């Protein structure tokens, strides 16, 4: 029989496994089991339209006219965007474009400058 860890909140010895969690029946505290070495979290890699790796602070160039939702403005092909910041989500580049302001772009519509 394997020895399960005590509850980190109330130190109860009556913990049990529930899927990928340990659960304490006395205080209802749940915490994750230690992840196996092979399943360590990998850092996400962002790539531009050509497959080049993007990093925070890079400069990129827009490769397609992009309509700005809720406005009649357009980000033109060839617009250079400096000092990008990479974020999680559908639009994965957070930036400030001269003449337009702060906005988010998809990495598939830019190339590394």
C-alpha atoms as a PDB file:
ATOM      1  CA  UNK A   1       0.000   0.000   0.000  1.00  0.00           C
ATOM      2  CA  UNK A   2       1.377   3.403  -0.984  1.00  0.00           C
ATOM      3  CA  UNK A   3       1.688   6.119   1.636  1.00  0.00           C
ATOM      4  CA  UNK A   4      -0.311   9.197   0.661  1.00  0.00           C
ATOM      5  CA  UNK A   5       0.795  12.619   1.906  1.00  0.00           C
ATOM      6  CA  UNK A   6      -0.963  14.366   4.776  1.00  0.00           C
ATOM      7  CA  UNK A   7      -3.243  17.284   3.987  1.00  0.00           C
ATOM      8  CA  UNK A   8      -1.194  20.510   3.730  1.00  0.00           C
ATOM      9  CA  UNK A   9      -4.016  22.522   5.348  1.00  0.00           C
ATOM     10  CA  UNK A  10      -5.179  20.463   8.326  1.00  0.00           C
ATOM     11  CA  UNK A  11      -2.471  17.740   8.442  1.00  0.00           C
ATOM     12  CA  UNK A  12      -5.089  14.976   8.271  1.00  0.00           C
ATOM     13  CA  UNK A  13      -3.741  11.516   7.453  1.00  0.00           C
ATOM     14  CA  UNK A  14      -7.001  10.406   5.774  1.00  0.00           C
ATOM     15  CA  UNK A  15      -6.284  11.766   2.286  1.00  0.00           C
ATOM     16  CA  UNK A  16      -7.243   9.891  -0.881  1.00  0.00           C
ATOM     17  CA  UNK A  17      -6.588  10.097  -4.615  1.00  0.00           C
ATOM     18  CA  UNK A  18      -9.252  11.388  -6.991  1.00  0.00           C
ATOM     19  CA  UNK A  19      -7.968  11.346 -10.549  1.00  0.00           C
ATOM     20  CA  UNK A  20      -4.983  13.684 -10.664  1.00  0.00           C
ATOM     21  CA  UNK A  21      -5.765  15.260  -7.277  1.00  0.00           C
ATOM     22  CA  UNK A  22      -5.329  14.417  -3.630  1.00  0.00           C
ATOM     23  CA  UNK A  23      -8.419  15.162  -1.506  1.00  0.00           C
ATOM     24  CA  UNK A  24      -8.803  15.615   2.245  1.00  0.00           C
ATOM     25  CA  UNK A  25     -12.204  14.365   3.506  1.00  0.00           C
ATOM     26  CA  UNK A  26     -11.964  16.393   6.722  1.00  0.00           C
ATOM     27  CA  UNK A  27     -11.421  19.902   5.361  1.00  0.00           C
ATOM     28  CA  UNK A  28     -12.311  19.288   1.658  1.00  0.00           C
ATOM     29  CA  UNK A  29      -8.948  20.680   0.501  1.00  0.00           C
ATOM     30  CA  UNK A  30      -7.791  19.471  -2.937  1.00  0.00           C
ATOM     31  CA  UNK A  31      -4.256  19.723  -4.348  1.00  0.00           C
ATOM     32  CA  UNK A  32      -2.527  18.290  -7.413  1.00  0.00           C
ATOM     33  CA  UNK A  33      -0.363  15.215  -7.302  1.00  0.00           C
ATOM     34  CA  UNK A  34       3.292  15.686  -8.252  1.00  0.00           C
ATOM     35  CA  UNK A  35       3.550  15.668 -12.041  1.00  0.00           C
ATOM     36  CA  UNK A  36       5.681  12.944 -13.599  1.00  0.00           C
ATOM     37  CA  UNK A  37       9.054  14.065 -14.956  1.00  0.00           C
ATOM     38  CA  UNK A  38       8.005  13.349 -18.555  1.00  0.00           C
ATOM     39  CA  UNK A  39       4.927  15.590 -18.298  1.00  0.00           C
ATOM     40  CA  UNK A  40       6.722  18.769 -17.275  1.00  0.00           C
ATOM     41  CA  UNK A  41       5.176  21.962 -18.605  1.00  0.00           C
ATOM     42  CA  UNK A  42       6.817  23.142 -21.797  1.00  0.00           C
ATOM     43  CA  UNK A  43       7.073  26.823 -22.574  1.00  0.00           C
ATOM     44  CA  UNK A  44       4.952  27.988 -25.503  1.00  0.00           C
ATOM     45  CA  UNK A  45       6.716  29.043 -28.686  1.00  0.00           C
ATOM     46  CA  UNK A  46       5.148  31.737 -30.864  1.00  0.00           C
ATOM     47  CA  UNK A  47       5.929  31.704 -34.586  1.00  0.00           C
ATOM     48  CA  UNK A  48       5.324  34.226 -37.357  1.00  0.00           C
ATOM     49  CA  UNK A  49       3.858  33.487 -40.807  1.00  0.00           C
ATOM     50  CA  UNK A  50       7.245  32.194 -42.035  1.00  0.00           C
ATOM     51  CA  UNK A  51       7.838  29.936 -39.043  1.00  0.00           C
ATOM     52  CA  UNK A  52      10.414  32.156 -37.318  1.00  0.00           C
ATOM     53  CA  UNK A  53      10.300  32.149 -33.522  1.00  0.00           C
ATOM     54  CA  UNK A  54       9.008  35.389 -31.955  1.00  0.00           C
ATOM     55  CA  UNK A  55      10.119  36.791 -28.593  1.00  0.00           C
ATOM     56  CA  UNK A  56       9.073  39.744 -26.439  1.00  0.00           C
ATOM     57  CA  UNK A  57      10.587  42.992 -27.725  1.00  0.00           C
ATOM     58  CA  UNK A  58      10.921  41.862 -31.358  1.00  0.00           C
ATOM     59  CA  UNK A  59       9.905  44.034 -34.288  1.00  0.00           C
ATOM     60  CA  UNK A  60       7.472  42.610 -36.837  1.00  0.00           C
ATOM     61  CA  UNK A  61       5.984  43.668 -40.163  1.00  0.00           C
ATOM     62  CA  UNK A  62       2.314  43.189 -41.110  1.00  0.00           C
ATOM     63  CA  UNK A  63       1.926  40.977 -44.223  1.00  0.00           C
ATOM     64  CA  UNK A  64      -1.765  41.599 -44.960  1.00  0.00           C
ATOM     65  CA  UNK A  65      -4.178  44.545 -44.773  1.00  0.00           C
ATOM     66  CA  UNK A  66      -6.003  44.171 -41.456  1.00  0.00           C
ATOM     67  CA  UNK A  67      -9.365  45.828 -40.892  1.00  0.00           C
ATOM     68  CA  UNK A  68      -9.815  47.174 -37.383  1.00  0.00           C
ATOM     69  CA  UNK A  69     -13.077  45.982 -35.878  1.00  0.00           C
ATOM     70  CA  UNK A  70     -15.426  48.846 -34.940  1.00  0.00           C
ATOM     71  CA  UNK A  71     -13.469  51.395 -36.957  1.00  0.00           C
ATOM     72  CA  UNK A  72     -12.969  52.437 -40.563  1.00  0.00           C
ATOM     73  CA  UNK A  73      -9.177  52.311 -40.111  1.00  0.00           C
ATOM     74  CA  UNK A  74      -6.945  49.679 -41.685  1.00  0.00           C
ATOM     75  CA  UNK A  75      -3.473  48.463 -40.723  1.00  0.00           C
ATOM     76  CA  UNK A  76      -1.698  48.462 -44.104  1.00  0.00           C
ATOM     77  CA  UNK A  77       0.676  45.836 -45.485  1.00  0.00           C
ATOM     78  CA  UNK A  78       4.265  46.655 -44.555  1.00  0.00           C
ATOM     79  CA  UNK A  79       3.401  48.448 -41.302  1.00  0.00           C
ATOM     80  CA  UNK A  80       6.314  47.921 -38.930  1.00  0.00           C
ATOM     81  CA  UNK A  81       5.415  47.211 -35.299  1.00  0.00           C
ATOM     82  CA  UNK A  82       8.197  47.616 -32.729  1.00  0.00           C
ATOM     83  CA  UNK A  83       8.591  46.161 -29.253  1.00  0.00           C
ATOM     84  CA  UNK A  84       5.850  43.504 -29.307  1.00  0.00           C
ATOM     85  CA  UNK A  85       4.678  41.627 -26.229  1.00  0.00           C
ATOM     86  CA  UNK A  86       3.568  37.986 -26.545  1.00  0.00           C
ATOM     87  CA  UNK A  87       0.429  36.869 -24.706  1.00  0.00           C
ATOM     88  CA  UNK A  88      -1.767  33.771 -24.554  1.00  0.00           C
ATOM     89  CA  UNK A  89      -5.019  33.749 -26.456  1.00  0.00           C
ATOM     90  CA  UNK A  90      -6.406  33.938 -29.977  1.00  0.00           C
ATOM     91  CA  UNK A  91      -4.661  37.270 -30.674  1.00  0.00           C
ATOM     92  CA  UNK A  92      -1.226  36.512 -29.307  1.00  0.00           C
ATOM     93  CA  UNK A  93       0.673  39.773 -29.947  1.00  0.00           C
ATOM     94  CA  UNK A  94       0.021  42.854 -27.842  1.00  0.00           C
ATOM     95  CA  UNK A  95       1.459  46.019 -29.380  1.00  0.00           C
ATOM     96  CA  UNK A  96       1.116  49.727 -30.065  1.00  0.00           C
ATOM     97  CA  UNK A  97       0.903  50.853 -33.686  1.00  0.00           C
ATOM     98  CA  UNK A  98       1.827  54.436 -34.559  1.00  0.00           C
ATOM     99  CA  UNK A  99      -1.222  56.391 -35.690  1.00  0.00           C
ATOM    100  CA  UNK A 100      -3.667  53.737 -34.473  1.00  0.00           C
ATOM    101  CA  UNK A 101      -2.835  52.933 -30.841  1.00  0.00           C
ATOM    102  CA  UNK A 102      -2.798  49.838 -28.685  1.00  0.00           C
ATOM    103  CA  UNK A 103      -4.137  46.657 -30.240  1.00  0.00           C
ATOM    104  CA  UNK A 104      -3.660  42.906 -30.478  1.00  0.00           C
ATOM    105  CA  UNK A 105      -2.579  40.984 -33.571  1.00  0.00           C
ATOM    106  CA  UNK A 106      -2.454  37.345 -34.590  1.00  0.00           C
ATOM    107  CA  UNK A 107       1.046  36.023 -35.202  1.00  0.00           C
ATOM    108  CA  UNK A 108      -0.061  34.426 -38.492  1.00  0.00           C
ATOM    109  CA  UNK A 109      -0.405  37.914 -40.061  1.00  0.00           C
ATOM    110  CA  UNK A 110       3.093  39.192 -39.258  1.00  0.00           C
ATOM    111  CA  UNK A 111       6.679  38.361 -40.172  1.00  0.00           C
ATOM    112  CA  UNK A 112       9.764  39.026 -38.097  1.00  0.00           C
ATOM    113  CA  UNK A 113      11.519  42.218 -39.207  1.00  0.00           C
END
